[in-house]
C-alpha atoms as a PDB file:
ATOM      1  CA  MET A   1     -34.205  36.131   9.287  1.00  0.00           C
ATOM      2  CA  THR A   2     -37.687  37.589   8.914  1.00  0.00           C
ATOM      3  CA  LYS A   3     -37.848  41.292   9.763  1.00  0.00           C
ATOM      4  CA  VAL A   4     -40.891  42.356  11.790  1.00  0.00           C
ATOM      5  CA  LEU A   5     -41.867  45.962  12.475  1.00  0.00           C
ATOM      6  CA  LEU A   6     -43.692  46.229  15.795  1.00  0.00           C
ATOM      7  CA  VAL A   7     -45.569  49.519  16.127  1.00  0.00           C
ATOM      8  CA  GLU A   8     -46.631  49.732  19.778  1.00  0.00           C
ATOM      9  CA  ASP A   9     -46.674  52.667  22.201  1.00  0.00           C
ATOM     10  CA  ASN A  10     -47.159  50.680  25.414  1.00  0.00           C
ATOM     11  CA  GLU A  11     -43.690  49.914  26.753  1.00  0.00           C
ATOM     12  CA  MET A  12     -44.667  46.734  28.594  1.00  0.00           C
ATOM     13  CA  ASN A  13     -46.510  45.286  25.553  1.00  0.00           C
ATOM     14  CA  ARG A  14     -43.697  46.348  23.231  1.00  0.00           C
ATOM     15  CA  ASP A  15     -40.914  44.831  25.350  1.00  0.00           C
ATOM     16  CA  MET A  16     -42.745  41.573  26.037  1.00  0.00           C
ATOM     17  CA  LEU A  17     -43.767  40.951  22.423  1.00  0.00           C
ATOM     18  CA  SER A  18     -40.433  42.009  20.913  1.00  0.00           C
ATOM     19  CA  ARG A  19     -38.521  39.677  23.271  1.00  0.00           C
ATOM     20  CA  ARG A  20     -40.846  36.767  22.505  1.00  0.00           C
ATOM     21  CA  LEU A  21     -40.574  37.314  18.744  1.00  0.00           C
ATOM     22  CA  THR A  22     -36.783  37.657  18.958  1.00  0.00           C
ATOM     23  CA  ARG A  23     -36.603  34.324  20.813  1.00  0.00           C
ATOM     24  CA  LYS A  24     -38.620  32.785  17.950  1.00  0.00           C
ATOM     25  CA  GLY A  25     -35.961  33.950  15.484  1.00  0.00           C
ATOM     26  CA  PHE A  26     -37.449  37.175  14.150  1.00  0.00           C
ATOM     27  CA  ASP A  27     -35.470  40.375  13.596  1.00  0.00           C
ATOM     28  CA  VAL A  28     -37.693  42.899  15.417  1.00  0.00           C
ATOM     29  CA  ILE A  29     -37.594  46.636  14.825  1.00  0.00           C
ATOM     30  CA  VAL A  30     -39.757  48.882  16.974  1.00  0.00           C
ATOM     31  CA  ALA A  31     -41.689  52.123  16.516  1.00  0.00           C
ATOM     32  CA  ILE A  32     -43.564  53.841  19.340  1.00  0.00           C
ATOM     33  CA  ASP A  33     -46.014  55.903  17.275  1.00  0.00           C
ATOM     34  CA  GLY A  34     -47.744  55.799  13.908  1.00  0.00           C
ATOM     35  CA  GLN A  35     -45.455  58.295  12.169  1.00  0.00           C
ATOM     36  CA  SER A  36     -42.320  56.433  13.279  1.00  0.00           C
ATOM     37  CA  GLY A  37     -43.951  53.233  12.072  1.00  0.00           C
ATOM     38  CA  ILE A  38     -44.513  54.715   8.623  1.00  0.00           C
ATOM     39  CA  ASP A  39     -40.937  56.012   8.483  1.00  0.00           C
ATOM     40  CA  LEU A  40     -39.406  52.690   9.570  1.00  0.00           C
ATOM     41  CA  ALA A  41     -41.599  50.695   7.183  1.00  0.00           C
ATOM     42  CA  LYS A  42     -40.329  52.832   4.284  1.00  0.00           C
ATOM     43  CA  SER A  43     -36.659  52.759   5.313  1.00  0.00           C
ATOM     44  CA  ASP A  44     -36.321  49.184   6.614  1.00  0.00           C
ATOM     45  CA  GLN A  45     -38.874  47.330   4.430  1.00  0.00           C
ATOM     46  CA  PRO A  46     -39.942  44.685   6.974  1.00  0.00           C
ATOM     47  CA  GLU A  47     -41.598  41.462   5.821  1.00  0.00           C
ATOM     48  CA  VAL A  48     -44.566  42.012   8.157  1.00  0.00           C
ATOM     49  CA  ILE A  49     -45.901  44.835  10.354  1.00  0.00           C
ATOM     50  CA  LEU A  50     -47.665  44.374  13.699  1.00  0.00           C
ATOM     51  CA  MET A  51     -49.671  47.581  14.118  1.00  0.00           C
ATOM     52  CA  ASP A  52     -51.264  48.742  17.348  1.00  0.00           C
ATOM     53  CA  MET A  53     -54.364  50.755  16.479  1.00  0.00           C
ATOM     54  CA  SER A  54     -54.345  53.201  19.418  1.00  0.00           C
ATOM     55  CA  LEU A  55     -51.129  55.128  18.800  1.00  0.00           C
ATOM     56  CA  PRO A  56     -49.941  58.680  19.418  1.00  0.00           C
ATOM     57  CA  VAL A  57     -49.056  61.140  16.627  1.00  0.00           C
ATOM     58  CA  ILE A  58     -50.872  59.119  13.923  1.00  0.00           C
ATOM     59  CA  ASP A  59     -53.179  56.261  14.953  1.00  0.00           C
ATOM     60  CA  GLY A  60     -52.794  52.766  13.531  1.00  0.00           C
ATOM     61  CA  TRP A  61     -55.751  53.092  11.192  1.00  0.00           C
ATOM     62  CA  GLU A  62     -54.300  56.188   9.494  1.00  0.00           C
ATOM     63  CA  ALA A  63     -50.752  54.772   9.489  1.00  0.00           C
ATOM     64  CA  THR A  64     -52.077  51.640   7.764  1.00  0.00           C
ATOM     65  CA  ARG A  65     -53.933  53.712   5.156  1.00  0.00           C
ATOM     66  CA  VAL A  66     -50.734  55.698   4.449  1.00  0.00           C
ATOM     67  CA  LEU A  67     -48.624  52.537   4.105  1.00  0.00           C
ATOM     68  CA  LYS A  68     -51.140  50.775   1.860  1.00  0.00           C
ATOM     69  CA  ALA A  69     -51.397  53.873  -0.385  1.00  0.00           C
ATOM     70  CA  ASP A  70     -47.611  54.026  -0.885  1.00  0.00           C
ATOM     71  CA  THR A  71     -46.204  51.879  -3.700  1.00  0.00           C
ATOM     72  CA  SER A  72     -43.020  51.184  -1.694  1.00  0.00           C
ATOM     73  CA  THR A  73     -44.898  49.709   1.287  1.00  0.00           C
ATOM     74  CA  LYS A  74     -48.329  48.541   0.065  1.00  0.00           C
ATOM     75  CA  HIS A  75     -47.098  44.959  -0.387  1.00  0.00           C
ATOM     76  CA  ILE A  76     -46.104  44.586   3.297  1.00  0.00           C
ATOM     77  CA  PRO A  77     -48.704  42.582   5.252  1.00  0.00           C
ATOM     78  CA  ILE A  78     -50.065  44.410   8.300  1.00  0.00           C
ATOM     79  CA  ILE A  79     -51.657  42.695  11.286  1.00  0.00           C
ATOM     80  CA  ALA A  80     -53.722  44.993  13.499  1.00  0.00           C
ATOM     81  CA  LEU A  81     -53.136  44.489  17.219  1.00  0.00           C
ATOM     82  CA  THR A  82     -55.801  45.947  19.450  1.00  0.00           C
ATOM     83  CA  ALA A  83     -57.505  45.520  22.786  1.00  0.00           C
ATOM     84  CA  HIS A  84     -60.784  46.302  21.004  1.00  0.00           C
ATOM     85  CA  ALA A  85     -62.378  42.917  20.399  1.00  0.00           C
ATOM     86  CA  MET A  86     -65.706  43.866  18.801  1.00  0.00           C
ATOM     87  CA  SER A  87     -66.413  42.619  15.283  1.00  0.00           C
ATOM     88  CA  SER A  88     -66.824  46.250  14.182  1.00  0.00           C
ATOM     89  CA  ASP A  89     -63.225  46.910  15.293  1.00  0.00           C
ATOM     90  CA  ARG A  90     -62.023  44.009  13.152  1.00  0.00           C
ATOM     91  CA  ASP A  91     -64.017  45.351  10.206  1.00  0.00           C
ATOM     92  CA  LYS A  92     -62.602  48.839  10.741  1.00  0.00           C
ATOM     93  CA  ALA A  93     -59.020  47.509  10.783  1.00  0.00           C
ATOM     94  CA  LEU A  94     -59.557  45.478   7.610  1.00  0.00           C
ATOM     95  CA  ALA A  95     -61.232  48.454   5.925  1.00  0.00           C
ATOM     96  CA  ALA A  96     -58.177  50.575   6.736  1.00  0.00           C
ATOM     97  CA  GLY A  97     -56.065  48.051   4.825  1.00  0.00           C
ATOM     98  CA  CYS A  98     -54.863  45.632   7.491  1.00  0.00           C
ATOM     99  CA  ASP A  99     -54.369  42.124   6.152  1.00  0.00           C
ATOM    100  CA  ASP A 100     -55.368  40.479   9.427  1.00  0.00           C
ATOM    101  CA  TYR A 101     -56.399  41.327  12.964  1.00  0.00           C
ATOM    102  CA  ASP A 102     -55.486  40.030  16.401  1.00  0.00           C
ATOM    103  CA  THR A 103     -56.588  40.994  19.877  1.00  0.00           C
ATOM    104  CA  LYS A 104     -54.601  41.846  22.989  1.00  0.00           C
ATOM    105  CA  PRO A 105     -53.412  40.360  25.128  1.00  0.00           C
ATOM    106  CA  VAL A 106     -51.526  38.641  22.343  1.00  0.00           C
ATOM    107  CA  GLU A 107     -51.592  34.852  22.265  1.00  0.00           C
ATOM    108  CA  LEU A 108     -48.231  34.187  20.629  1.00  0.00           C
ATOM    109  CA  PRO A 109     -49.074  30.839  18.955  1.00  0.00           C
ATOM    110  CA  ARG A 110     -52.152  32.387  17.298  1.00  0.00           C
ATOM    111  CA  LEU A 111     -50.206  35.490  16.210  1.00  0.00           C
ATOM    112  CA  LEU A 112     -47.339  33.394  14.826  1.00  0.00           C
ATOM    113  CA  GLU A 113     -49.819  31.351  12.798  1.00  0.00           C
ATOM    114  CA  LYS A 114     -51.328  34.518  11.307  1.00  0.00           C
ATOM    115  CA  MET A 115     -47.863  35.897  10.547  1.00  0.00           C
ATOM    116  CA  GLN A 116     -46.811  32.641   8.873  1.00  0.00           C
ATOM    117  CA  THR A 117     -49.963  32.569   6.746  1.00  0.00           C
ATOM    118  CA  LEU A 118     -49.315  36.112   5.506  1.00  0.00           C
ATOM    119  CA  LEU A 119     -45.590  35.544   4.960  1.00  0.00           C
ATOM    120  CA  THR A 120     -46.296  32.346   2.996  1.00  0.00           C
ATOM    121  CA  ALA A 121     -48.881  34.140   0.845  1.00  0.00           C
ATOM    122  CA  GLU A 122     -46.456  37.043   0.286  1.00  0.00           C
ATOM    123  CA  SER A 123     -43.651  34.762  -0.922  1.00  0.00           C
ATOM    124  CA  SER A 124     -45.818  32.749  -3.329  1.00  0.00           C
END
């Protein structure tokens, strides 16, 4: 079972997405702020991270930079999830080290396709 770390502070978004991913067969672990996301990524070593960018404690951009700078977590693909849909926001997320970018509200089929692409690339 593929382990997914969902880093999301909004309870409604977190619950909805985690339930939908669980129904699709993913093992979902949840963090509600950037620091918890970093800690869980290091301890649980998920196969993919879904990172909200607007987080308390440490925002998603900084959390991504920390994870990509750490040898124990830099290999984990990170998909930025944000309500910010401008091309500059996508560029900023990719510059921080995110491997892909998706906008909210999340369209599950599109997100699953992005996750599968990254997971396939990671395993090859």
